[in-house]
Amino acid sequence: MFCPKCGKLLTPREVDGKRVMGCDCGHVHGGSAVVREEIKKDERKIEVADADVETLPLVEEKCPECDHDHAYFWEIQTRAGDEAATKFYKCEKCKHVWRDYS
């Protein structure tokens, strides 16, 4: 329902203890209107991905702990913006994490 005075959408309000349809401009709908509120509970199942599945790129990099030759890597800007990003590696085999500042 729209306000005949200003054209805005009428919204449910409480006036003198009654629920009526009204507008910000002060207009109150004179006729009877049924206001119904329905609250729906949103129950969705969320599938949790396997935490052991790595989605990072895999590169040839030797692990300093176990000498395995493959590691996942990512970059983070840990210093000033005009300096190179820090590369982090995570060994595919032993999960050791180390960084490369070059």
N, C-alpha and C. Protein backbone atom coordinates (compact mmCIF):
# COMPACT_ATOMS: atom_id res chain seq x y z
N MET A 1 0.84 -1.17 0.00
CA MET A 1 0.00 0.00 0.00
C MET A 1 0.89 1.23 0.00
N PHE A 2 0.47 2.24 -0.77
CA PHE A 2 1.24 3.46 -0.88
C PHE A 2 0.45 4.64 -0.34
N CYS A 3 1.17 5.61 0.17
CA CYS A 3 0.55 6.80 0.75
C CYS A 3 -0.06 7.66 -0.36
N PRO A 4 -1.34 8.04 -0.21
CA PRO A 4 -1.96 8.88 -1.23
C PRO A 4 -1.44 10.33 -1.20
N LYS A 5 -0.79 10.73 -0.09
CA LYS A 5 -0.28 12.10 0.02
C LYS A 5 1.09 12.26 -0.63
N CYS A 6 2.01 11.33 -0.30
CA CYS A 6 3.40 11.50 -0.76
C CYS A 6 3.89 10.36 -1.65
N GLY A 7 3.18 9.25 -1.71
CA GLY A 7 3.57 8.14 -2.58
C GLY A 7 4.51 7.13 -1.96
N LYS A 8 4.93 7.36 -0.71
CA LYS A 8 5.82 6.40 -0.05
C LYS A 8 5.06 5.14 0.34
N LEU A 9 5.80 4.10 0.61
CA LEU A 9 5.22 2.84 1.06
C LEU A 9 4.71 3.00 2.49
N LEU A 10 3.48 2.56 2.75
CA LEU A 10 2.93 2.59 4.10
C LEU A 10 3.52 1.43 4.89
N THR A 11 3.83 1.69 6.15
CA THR A 11 4.43 0.65 6.99
C THR A 11 3.59 0.47 8.25
N PRO A 12 3.64 -0.72 8.85
CA PRO A 12 2.86 -0.94 10.08
C PRO A 12 3.39 -0.07 11.22
N ARG A 13 2.46 0.56 11.94
CA ARG A 13 2.81 1.41 13.07
C ARG A 13 1.79 1.19 14.18
N GLU A 14 2.12 1.68 15.35
CA GLU A 14 1.19 1.60 16.46
C GLU A 14 0.74 3.01 16.82
N VAL A 15 -0.58 3.26 16.71
CA VAL A 15 -1.15 4.56 17.03
C VAL A 15 -2.30 4.33 18.01
N ASP A 16 -2.23 4.97 19.15
CA ASP A 16 -3.25 4.82 20.20
C ASP A 16 -3.51 3.35 20.54
N GLY A 17 -2.46 2.55 20.60
CA GLY A 17 -2.58 1.15 20.96
C GLY A 17 -3.07 0.25 19.84
N LYS A 18 -3.29 0.80 18.64
CA LYS A 18 -3.74 0.00 17.51
C LYS A 18 -2.64 -0.10 16.46
N ARG A 19 -2.58 -1.23 15.79
CA ARG A 19 -1.63 -1.40 14.68
C ARG A 19 -2.30 -0.90 13.42
N VAL A 20 -1.73 0.12 12.80
CA VAL A 20 -2.28 0.71 11.58
C VAL A 20 -1.17 0.84 10.55
N MET A 21 -1.57 1.13 9.32
CA MET A 21 -0.62 1.40 8.26
C MET A 21 -0.45 2.91 8.18
N GLY A 22 0.79 3.37 8.29
CA GLY A 22 1.03 4.81 8.29
C GLY A 22 2.26 5.17 7.49
N CYS A 23 2.47 6.47 7.36
CA CYS A 23 3.57 6.99 6.55
C CYS A 23 4.36 8.01 7.36
N ASP A 24 5.60 8.27 6.93
CA ASP A 24 6.44 9.25 7.61
C ASP A 24 5.87 10.67 7.52
N CYS A 25 5.05 10.92 6.50
CA CYS A 25 4.48 12.25 6.33
C CYS A 25 3.33 12.50 7.31
N GLY A 26 2.89 11.48 8.06
CA GLY A 26 1.84 11.64 9.04
C GLY A 26 0.52 11.02 8.63
N HIS A 27 0.39 10.63 7.39
CA HIS A 27 -0.85 10.02 6.92
C HIS A 27 -1.02 8.63 7.55
N VAL A 28 -2.25 8.34 8.00
CA VAL A 28 -2.58 7.03 8.54
C VAL A 28 -3.72 6.48 7.71
N HIS A 29 -3.58 5.27 7.23
CA HIS A 29 -4.60 4.63 6.40
C HIS A 29 -5.87 4.45 7.22
N GLY A 30 -7.00 4.99 6.73
CA GLY A 30 -8.24 4.96 7.48
C GLY A 30 -8.96 3.63 7.44
N GLY A 31 -8.77 2.84 6.40
CA GLY A 31 -9.47 1.57 6.27
C GLY A 31 -8.83 0.49 7.11
N SER A 32 -9.48 -0.63 7.10
CA SER A 32 -8.91 -1.74 7.85
C SER A 32 -7.90 -2.47 6.99
N ALA A 33 -6.84 -2.87 7.62
CA ALA A 33 -5.79 -3.62 6.92
C ALA A 33 -5.31 -4.71 7.86
N VAL A 34 -5.01 -5.84 7.30
CA VAL A 34 -4.49 -6.94 8.09
C VAL A 34 -2.97 -6.90 7.99
N VAL A 35 -2.33 -6.82 9.13
CA VAL A 35 -0.88 -6.83 9.18
C VAL A 35 -0.46 -8.19 9.73
N ARG A 36 0.29 -8.90 8.94
CA ARG A 36 0.71 -10.23 9.35
C ARG A 36 2.22 -10.29 9.33
N GLU A 37 2.80 -10.75 10.42
CA GLU A 37 4.24 -10.95 10.49
C GLU A 37 4.51 -12.44 10.58
N GLU A 38 5.40 -12.90 9.74
CA GLU A 38 5.75 -14.31 9.75
C GLU A 38 7.26 -14.41 9.88
N ILE A 39 7.69 -15.09 10.91
CA ILE A 39 9.12 -15.27 11.13
C ILE A 39 9.47 -16.70 10.72
N LYS A 40 10.38 -16.77 9.77
CA LYS A 40 10.80 -18.08 9.30
C LYS A 40 12.20 -18.36 9.82
N LYS A 41 12.37 -19.54 10.34
CA LYS A 41 13.68 -19.95 10.81
C LYS A 41 14.45 -20.51 9.62
N ASP A 42 15.61 -19.96 9.40
CA ASP A 42 16.43 -20.37 8.27
C ASP A 42 17.40 -21.46 8.72
N GLU A 43 17.05 -22.68 8.41
CA GLU A 43 17.91 -23.81 8.78
C GLU A 43 18.52 -24.41 7.52
N ARG A 44 19.76 -24.07 7.30
CA ARG A 44 20.48 -24.63 6.17
C ARG A 44 21.67 -25.41 6.69
N LYS A 45 21.95 -26.49 6.04
CA LYS A 45 23.13 -27.26 6.41
C LYS A 45 24.32 -26.65 5.69
N ILE A 46 25.37 -26.46 6.43
CA ILE A 46 26.60 -25.91 5.87
C ILE A 46 27.62 -27.03 5.80
N GLU A 47 28.11 -27.25 4.60
CA GLU A 47 29.10 -28.30 4.42
C GLU A 47 30.48 -27.72 4.69
N VAL A 48 31.20 -28.34 5.58
CA VAL A 48 32.54 -27.90 5.93
C VAL A 48 33.54 -28.68 5.10
N ALA A 49 34.36 -27.95 4.39
CA ALA A 49 35.37 -28.60 3.56
C ALA A 49 36.44 -29.23 4.45
N ASP A 50 37.07 -30.24 3.96
CA ASP A 50 38.13 -30.91 4.69
C ASP A 50 39.26 -29.92 4.95
N ALA A 51 39.60 -29.71 6.20
CA ALA A 51 40.62 -28.73 6.57
C ALA A 51 42.01 -29.12 6.07
N ASP A 52 42.22 -30.39 5.76
CA ASP A 52 43.53 -30.84 5.29
C ASP A 52 43.75 -30.61 3.80
N VAL A 53 42.72 -30.20 3.09
CA VAL A 53 42.84 -29.97 1.65
C VAL A 53 43.47 -28.59 1.45
N GLU A 54 44.63 -28.57 0.82
CA GLU A 54 45.33 -27.32 0.57
C GLU A 54 44.89 -26.75 -0.77
N THR A 55 44.56 -25.48 -0.81
CA THR A 55 44.15 -24.82 -2.04
C THR A 55 45.21 -23.84 -2.53
N LEU A 56 46.33 -23.77 -1.84
CA LEU A 56 47.40 -22.87 -2.21
C LEU A 56 48.23 -23.49 -3.34
N PRO A 57 48.93 -22.65 -4.12
CA PRO A 57 49.79 -23.18 -5.17
C PRO A 57 50.94 -24.01 -4.59
N LEU A 58 51.29 -25.08 -5.28
CA LEU A 58 52.38 -25.97 -4.86
C LEU A 58 53.59 -25.70 -5.75
N VAL A 59 54.74 -25.45 -5.13
CA VAL A 59 55.96 -25.13 -5.88
C VAL A 59 57.09 -26.03 -5.42
N GLU A 60 58.15 -26.04 -6.20
CA GLU A 60 59.35 -26.78 -5.82
C GLU A 60 60.19 -25.89 -4.90
N GLU A 61 60.18 -26.21 -3.63
CA GLU A 61 60.95 -25.47 -2.62
C GLU A 61 61.32 -26.47 -1.55
N LYS A 62 62.61 -26.52 -1.20
CA LYS A 62 63.10 -27.51 -0.24
C LYS A 62 62.78 -27.08 1.19
N CYS A 63 62.18 -27.98 1.95
CA CYS A 63 61.83 -27.73 3.34
C CYS A 63 63.09 -27.77 4.20
N PRO A 64 63.33 -26.77 5.03
CA PRO A 64 64.52 -26.77 5.88
C PRO A 64 64.45 -27.80 7.02
N GLU A 65 63.28 -28.34 7.29
CA GLU A 65 63.13 -29.31 8.37
C GLU A 65 63.29 -30.75 7.90
N CYS A 66 62.59 -31.12 6.82
CA CYS A 66 62.57 -32.53 6.41
C CYS A 66 63.17 -32.78 5.02
N ASP A 67 63.63 -31.73 4.36
CA ASP A 67 64.25 -31.80 3.02
C ASP A 67 63.28 -32.25 1.92
N HIS A 68 61.99 -32.25 2.19
CA HIS A 68 61.01 -32.54 1.15
C HIS A 68 61.08 -31.42 0.12
N ASP A 69 60.88 -31.72 -1.15
CA ASP A 69 61.13 -30.72 -2.19
C ASP A 69 59.88 -30.03 -2.75
N HIS A 70 58.74 -30.12 -2.06
CA HIS A 70 57.54 -29.41 -2.50
C HIS A 70 56.90 -28.69 -1.31
N ALA A 71 56.44 -27.46 -1.58
CA ALA A 71 55.81 -26.67 -0.52
C ALA A 71 54.72 -25.79 -1.13
N TYR A 72 53.71 -25.51 -0.33
CA TYR A 72 52.67 -24.55 -0.71
C TYR A 72 53.23 -23.17 -0.42
N PHE A 73 52.77 -22.15 -1.17
CA PHE A 73 53.27 -20.82 -0.86
C PHE A 73 52.18 -19.77 -1.00
N TRP A 74 52.38 -18.65 -0.28
CA TRP A 74 51.53 -17.48 -0.38
C TRP A 74 52.36 -16.26 -0.04
N GLU A 75 51.90 -15.09 -0.43
CA GLU A 75 52.62 -13.85 -0.18
C GLU A 75 51.75 -12.90 0.64
N ILE A 76 52.42 -12.18 1.57
CA ILE A 76 51.73 -11.17 2.38
C ILE A 76 52.62 -9.94 2.44
N GLN A 77 52.02 -8.77 2.30
CA GLN A 77 52.75 -7.51 2.41
C GLN A 77 52.94 -7.21 3.90
N THR A 78 54.10 -7.60 4.46
CA THR A 78 54.34 -7.44 5.90
C THR A 78 55.14 -6.18 6.21
N ARG A 79 55.72 -5.58 5.18
CA ARG A 79 56.54 -4.38 5.40
C ARG A 79 55.90 -3.22 4.64
N ALA A 80 56.64 -2.14 4.47
CA ALA A 80 56.13 -0.96 3.76
C ALA A 80 55.72 -1.33 2.34
N GLY A 81 54.80 -0.57 1.80
CA GLY A 81 54.26 -0.86 0.47
C GLY A 81 55.28 -0.79 -0.65
N ASP A 82 56.37 -0.05 -0.45
CA ASP A 82 57.37 0.05 -1.50
C ASP A 82 58.42 -1.06 -1.43
N GLU A 83 58.27 -1.98 -0.48
CA GLU A 83 59.18 -3.12 -0.36
C GLU A 83 58.50 -4.39 -0.84
N ALA A 84 59.30 -5.38 -1.15
CA ALA A 84 58.77 -6.64 -1.66
C ALA A 84 57.92 -7.36 -0.60
N ALA A 85 56.94 -8.11 -1.07
CA ALA A 85 56.09 -8.89 -0.17
C ALA A 85 56.90 -10.05 0.41
N THR A 86 56.48 -10.54 1.56
CA THR A 86 57.13 -11.68 2.20
C THR A 86 56.46 -12.95 1.70
N LYS A 87 57.28 -13.91 1.23
CA LYS A 87 56.75 -15.20 0.79
C LYS A 87 56.76 -16.16 1.96
N PHE A 88 55.65 -16.85 2.12
CA PHE A 88 55.55 -17.89 3.14
C PHE A 88 55.45 -19.24 2.44
N TYR A 89 56.06 -20.24 3.03
CA TYR A 89 56.00 -21.60 2.50
C TYR A 89 55.51 -22.55 3.58
N LYS A 90 54.80 -23.58 3.16
CA LYS A 90 54.34 -24.62 4.08
C LYS A 90 54.66 -25.96 3.43
N CYS A 91 55.48 -26.74 4.09
CA CYS A 91 55.92 -28.02 3.55
C CYS A 91 54.72 -28.94 3.31
N GLU A 92 54.70 -29.55 2.15
CA GLU A 92 53.62 -30.46 1.79
C GLU A 92 53.62 -31.70 2.69
N LYS A 93 54.81 -32.11 3.12
CA LYS A 93 54.95 -33.35 3.89
C LYS A 93 54.80 -33.14 5.40
N CYS A 94 55.66 -32.30 5.99
CA CYS A 94 55.69 -32.16 7.46
C CYS A 94 54.91 -30.95 7.97
N LYS A 95 54.40 -30.11 7.07
CA LYS A 95 53.58 -28.93 7.40
C LYS A 95 54.35 -27.80 8.08
N HIS A 96 55.70 -27.88 8.08
CA HIS A 96 56.52 -26.81 8.63
C HIS A 96 56.31 -25.53 7.80
N VAL A 97 56.21 -24.38 8.48
CA VAL A 97 56.02 -23.09 7.81
C VAL A 97 57.26 -22.24 8.01
N TRP A 98 57.74 -21.63 6.92
CA TRP A 98 58.86 -20.71 6.99
C TRP A 98 58.63 -19.57 6.02
N ARG A 99 59.46 -18.53 6.13
CA ARG A 99 59.28 -17.36 5.28
C ARG A 99 60.55 -17.02 4.54
N ASP A 100 60.36 -16.33 3.43
CA ASP A 100 61.47 -15.89 2.58
C ASP A 100 61.29 -14.38 2.39
N TYR A 101 62.24 -13.60 2.88
CA TYR A 101 62.13 -12.14 2.82
C TYR A 101 62.63 -11.54 1.52
N SER A 102 63.14 -12.34 0.60
CA SER A 102 63.73 -11.75 -0.62
C SER A 102 62.68 -11.25 -1.58
